[in-house]
N, C-alpha and C. Protein backbone atom coordinates (compact mmCIF):
# COMPACT_ATOMS: atom_id res chain seq x y z
N MET A 1 -16.08 23.28 48.62
CA MET A 1 -16.82 22.79 47.43
C MET A 1 -15.82 23.24 46.17
N ILE A 2 -15.77 22.70 44.85
CA ILE A 2 -14.82 22.95 43.90
C ILE A 2 -15.85 23.55 43.09
N PRO A 3 -15.32 24.64 42.68
CA PRO A 3 -16.32 25.60 41.79
C PRO A 3 -15.75 25.43 40.29
N PHE A 4 -15.95 24.16 40.14
CA PHE A 4 -15.82 23.87 38.64
C PHE A 4 -16.36 22.41 38.14
N THR A 5 -17.19 22.28 36.98
CA THR A 5 -17.62 21.09 36.88
C THR A 5 -16.85 19.93 36.49
N ASP A 6 -17.02 19.02 36.64
CA ASP A 6 -15.96 17.60 36.43
C ASP A 6 -15.60 17.81 34.72
N GLU A 7 -16.32 18.16 33.83
CA GLU A 7 -16.20 18.42 32.82
C GLU A 7 -15.02 19.51 32.45
N GLU A 8 -15.06 20.74 33.11
CA GLU A 8 -14.12 21.67 33.38
C GLU A 8 -13.13 21.16 33.90
N LEU A 9 -12.73 19.77 34.79
CA LEU A 9 -11.82 19.98 35.91
C LEU A 9 -10.80 18.80 34.64
N LEU A 10 -11.82 18.09 33.99
CA LEU A 10 -10.95 16.80 33.23
C LEU A 10 -9.80 17.26 32.38
N PRO A 11 -9.83 18.24 31.15
CA PRO A 11 -8.69 18.87 30.92
C PRO A 11 -7.43 19.53 31.44
N VAL A 12 -7.81 19.88 32.57
CA VAL A 12 -6.78 20.61 33.27
C VAL A 12 -6.05 19.59 34.11
N VAL A 13 -6.85 18.34 34.40
CA VAL A 13 -6.56 17.25 35.44
C VAL A 13 -5.28 16.81 34.56
N GLU A 14 -5.64 16.68 33.27
CA GLU A 14 -4.85 15.74 32.33
C GLU A 14 -3.64 16.36 32.41
N LYS A 15 -3.71 17.51 32.34
CA LYS A 15 -2.52 18.45 31.81
C LYS A 15 -1.66 18.50 33.03
N THR A 16 -2.10 18.47 33.98
CA THR A 16 -1.59 18.60 35.44
C THR A 16 -0.64 16.82 35.88
N LEU A 17 -1.48 15.70 35.38
CA LEU A 17 -0.84 14.32 35.71
C LEU A 17 0.18 14.20 34.61
N GLU A 18 0.05 14.93 33.52
CA GLU A 18 1.30 14.85 32.66
C GLU A 18 2.62 15.10 33.47
N LYS A 19 2.75 16.04 34.29
CA LYS A 19 3.67 16.70 34.77
C LYS A 19 4.33 15.75 35.75
N VAL A 20 3.65 14.68 36.33
CA VAL A 20 3.70 13.81 37.34
C VAL A 20 4.08 12.15 36.70
N LYS A 21 3.85 12.16 35.53
CA LYS A 21 3.99 10.82 35.25
C LYS A 21 5.70 10.80 34.84
N PRO A 22 6.34 11.55 34.53
CA PRO A 22 7.58 11.29 34.50
C PRO A 22 8.50 10.67 35.57
N MET A 23 7.68 11.44 36.90
CA MET A 23 8.19 10.86 38.52
C MET A 23 8.07 9.52 38.75
N LEU A 24 6.73 8.99 38.32
CA LEU A 24 6.37 7.79 38.50
C LEU A 24 7.00 6.73 37.43
N ALA A 25 7.51 7.00 36.14
CA ALA A 25 8.35 6.43 35.55
C ALA A 25 9.92 6.02 35.86
N LEU A 26 10.29 7.14 36.52
CA LEU A 26 11.92 6.68 36.86
C LEU A 26 11.72 5.81 37.69
N ASP A 27 10.69 5.16 38.84
CA ASP A 27 10.43 4.15 39.69
C ASP A 27 9.96 3.09 39.03
N GLY A 28 9.80 3.19 37.39
CA GLY A 28 9.07 1.88 37.04
C GLY A 28 7.88 1.95 36.75
N GLY A 29 7.38 2.99 37.36
CA GLY A 29 5.69 2.83 37.85
C GLY A 29 4.75 3.86 36.65
N GLY A 30 3.46 3.62 37.07
CA GLY A 30 2.60 4.68 36.14
C GLY A 30 1.17 4.95 36.38
N MET A 31 0.30 5.72 35.33
CA MET A 31 -0.73 6.02 35.99
C MET A 31 -1.59 6.26 34.93
N LYS A 32 -2.70 5.68 35.06
CA LYS A 32 -4.05 5.90 34.13
C LYS A 32 -5.09 6.83 34.66
N LEU A 33 -5.24 8.07 34.08
CA LEU A 33 -6.71 8.60 34.67
C LEU A 33 -7.93 7.60 34.39
N LEU A 34 -9.04 7.42 35.14
CA LEU A 34 -10.00 6.80 34.93
C LEU A 34 -11.28 8.10 34.98
N GLY A 35 -11.15 8.84 35.47
CA GLY A 35 -12.04 9.77 35.25
C GLY A 35 -12.35 10.84 36.23
N VAL A 36 -13.09 11.80 36.16
CA VAL A 36 -13.69 12.96 37.68
C VAL A 36 -14.85 13.05 37.42
N LYS A 37 -14.98 12.44 38.50
CA LYS A 37 -16.40 12.45 39.43
C LYS A 37 -16.57 13.14 40.44
N ASN A 38 -17.54 14.24 40.44
CA ASN A 38 -18.21 14.99 42.15
C ASN A 38 -16.54 15.58 42.33
N GLY A 39 -15.84 16.41 41.56
CA GLY A 39 -14.72 16.62 41.86
C GLY A 39 -13.46 15.81 42.41
N LYS A 40 -13.82 14.51 42.80
CA LYS A 40 -12.82 13.74 42.82
C LYS A 40 -12.09 12.95 41.32
N VAL A 41 -10.77 12.80 41.52
CA VAL A 41 -10.12 12.55 40.16
C VAL A 41 -9.54 10.88 40.85
N PHE A 42 -10.05 10.00 39.80
CA PHE A 42 -10.02 8.67 39.88
C PHE A 42 -8.87 8.31 38.95
N VAL A 43 -7.84 7.60 39.72
CA VAL A 43 -6.70 7.33 38.72
C VAL A 43 -6.32 5.82 39.17
N GLN A 44 -5.59 4.83 38.50
CA GLN A 44 -5.25 3.65 38.51
C GLN A 44 -3.75 3.56 38.37
N LEU A 45 -3.17 3.04 39.51
CA LEU A 45 -1.53 3.05 39.37
C LEU A 45 -1.34 2.02 39.01
N GLN A 46 -0.19 2.21 38.10
CA GLN A 46 0.33 0.86 37.22
C GLN A 46 1.81 0.51 37.75
N GLY A 47 2.28 -0.46 36.79
CA GLY A 47 3.31 -1.02 36.85
C GLY A 47 4.05 -1.07 38.31
N ALA A 48 5.23 -0.58 38.71
CA ALA A 48 6.01 -0.97 39.79
C ALA A 48 4.94 -0.35 41.55
N CYS A 49 4.27 1.02 40.60
CA CYS A 49 3.50 1.46 41.65
C CYS A 49 2.16 0.43 42.58
N ILE A 50 2.05 -0.79 41.67
CA ILE A 50 0.78 -1.45 42.48
C ILE A 50 1.55 -2.46 43.49
N GLY A 51 1.10 -2.19 44.63
CA GLY A 51 1.69 -3.14 45.39
C GLY A 51 2.87 -2.66 46.31
N CYS A 52 3.35 -1.24 45.76
CA CYS A 52 4.42 -0.70 46.47
C CYS A 52 4.05 -0.06 47.44
N SER A 53 5.01 -0.10 48.73
CA SER A 53 4.58 0.39 50.26
C SER A 53 4.46 2.42 49.96
N ALA A 54 5.12 2.55 49.27
CA ALA A 54 5.12 4.00 49.07
C ALA A 54 3.89 4.70 48.26
N SER A 55 3.01 3.70 47.46
CA SER A 55 2.30 4.04 46.47
C SER A 55 1.10 5.54 46.98
N ASN A 56 1.02 4.82 48.54
CA ASN A 56 -0.13 5.72 48.96
C ASN A 56 0.15 7.37 49.15
N GLN A 57 1.76 7.35 49.89
CA GLN A 57 2.44 8.59 49.96
C GLN A 57 2.53 9.37 48.31
N THR A 58 3.10 8.16 46.98
CA THR A 58 3.01 8.97 45.81
C THR A 58 1.70 9.76 45.63
N LEU A 59 0.36 8.92 45.84
CA LEU A 59 -0.72 9.74 45.75
C LEU A 59 -1.11 10.59 46.08
N LYS A 60 -0.91 10.70 47.18
CA LYS A 60 -1.23 12.13 48.27
C LYS A 60 -0.24 13.20 48.21
N TYR A 61 1.11 13.00 48.14
CA TYR A 61 2.23 13.85 48.41
C TYR A 61 2.76 14.32 46.75
N GLY A 62 2.57 13.58 46.01
CA GLY A 62 2.96 13.57 44.83
C GLY A 62 1.94 14.33 43.89
N ILE A 63 0.78 13.29 43.49
CA ILE A 63 -0.24 13.05 42.51
C ILE A 63 -1.28 14.55 43.19
N GLU A 64 -1.60 13.97 44.56
CA GLU A 64 -2.68 14.91 44.59
C GLU A 64 -1.99 16.38 44.83
N ARG A 65 -0.97 16.35 45.74
CA ARG A 65 -0.25 17.56 46.20
C ARG A 65 -0.28 18.76 44.87
N GLN A 66 0.39 18.22 43.68
CA GLN A 66 0.40 18.71 42.47
C GLN A 66 -0.93 19.48 42.07
N LEU A 67 -1.99 18.43 41.82
CA LEU A 67 -3.49 19.00 41.51
C LEU A 67 -4.12 19.90 42.58
N ARG A 68 -3.81 19.81 43.73
CA ARG A 68 -4.22 20.71 44.67
C ARG A 68 -3.46 22.00 44.30
N MET A 69 -2.19 22.43 44.29
CA MET A 69 -1.20 23.23 43.96
C MET A 69 -2.10 23.94 42.48
N ASP A 70 -2.07 22.89 41.20
CA ASP A 70 -2.37 23.61 40.12
C ASP A 70 -3.92 24.08 39.91
N ILE A 71 -4.96 23.37 40.61
CA ILE A 71 -6.25 23.43 40.19
C ILE A 71 -7.03 24.28 41.61
N HIS A 72 -7.18 23.28 42.56
CA HIS A 72 -8.01 23.86 43.86
C HIS A 72 -7.60 23.12 44.97
N PRO A 73 -7.52 23.38 45.98
CA PRO A 73 -6.98 23.03 47.13
C PRO A 73 -7.77 21.66 48.25
N GLU A 74 -8.75 21.45 47.45
CA GLU A 74 -9.73 20.73 47.76
C GLU A 74 -9.85 19.31 47.30
N ILE A 75 -9.01 19.44 45.92
CA ILE A 75 -9.31 18.12 45.12
C ILE A 75 -9.03 17.09 45.79
N GLU A 76 -9.46 15.77 44.96
CA GLU A 76 -8.75 14.55 45.98
C GLU A 76 -8.97 13.49 45.28
N VAL A 77 -7.83 12.95 45.49
CA VAL A 77 -6.99 11.73 44.18
C VAL A 77 -7.49 10.64 44.83
N ILE A 78 -7.99 9.48 44.33
CA ILE A 78 -8.25 8.07 44.37
C ILE A 78 -8.31 7.08 43.45
N ASN A 79 -7.02 6.53 44.34
CA ASN A 79 -6.74 4.95 43.63
C ASN A 79 -7.34 4.08 43.21
N LEU A 80 -8.18 3.63 42.34
CA LEU A 80 -8.79 2.43 42.00
C LEU A 80 -8.10 1.19 41.50
N ALA A 81 -7.86 0.16 42.06
CA ALA A 81 -7.30 -0.87 41.43
C ALA A 81 -7.61 -1.81 40.24
N GLU A 82 -6.84 -2.22 39.90
CA GLU A 82 -7.62 -3.07 38.41
C GLU A 82 -8.72 -3.63 38.61
N GLY A 83 -9.58 -3.55 38.16
CA GLY A 83 -11.09 -4.73 38.39
C GLY A 83 -12.03 -4.04 39.19
N SER A 84 -11.60 -2.84 39.82
CA SER A 84 -12.65 -2.23 40.60
C SER A 84 -13.19 -0.61 40.42
N GLU A 85 -12.88 -0.84 39.06
CA GLU A 85 -13.23 0.43 38.26
C GLU A 85 -14.82 0.91 38.63
N HIS A 86 -15.58 -0.14 38.36
CA HIS A 86 -17.11 0.05 38.99
C HIS A 86 -17.46 0.73 40.07
N LEU A 87 -16.65 0.68 41.19
CA LEU A 87 -16.80 1.19 42.33
C LEU A 87 -16.94 3.03 42.38
N MET A 88 -16.26 3.46 41.03
CA MET A 88 -16.17 4.53 40.99
C MET A 88 -17.19 5.54 41.24
N GLU A 89 -18.65 5.51 40.71
CA GLU A 89 -19.56 6.13 40.86
C GLU A 89 -20.28 6.36 42.41
N GLN A 90 -19.52 4.80 43.27
CA GLN A 90 -20.43 4.60 44.47
C GLN A 90 -19.35 5.54 45.31
N ILE A 91 -18.18 5.59 45.26
CA ILE A 91 -17.17 6.41 45.91
C ILE A 91 -17.16 8.24 45.53
N ALA A 92 -17.54 7.78 44.17
CA ALA A 92 -17.65 9.70 43.91
C ALA A 92 -18.85 10.68 44.47
N ASN A 93 -20.31 9.74 44.99
CA ASN A 93 -21.22 10.06 45.82
C ASN A 93 -21.45 9.69 46.96
N SER A 94 -20.09 9.12 47.47
CA SER A 94 -19.87 9.36 49.47
C SER A 94 -19.47 10.37 49.77
């Protein structure tokens, strides 16, 4: 259980994601933070990251790893493809 509210997590998550964005930009990719719900961080990979075979590894071993080191070891990152933002609430509660 993550001992922070979503509201407390949001600014810290934003700060950590700023560290990761330059790495994504080097490969022509990007990321948009969609929100934090129930301790889950929802992002949308953009640019070259969309459809890239390494995007799952980037998500788990780049973005999620950094968040876990900086914030909490149980934090989870979920990528929502464009157009599936409406699933955020359903996934957060599962």
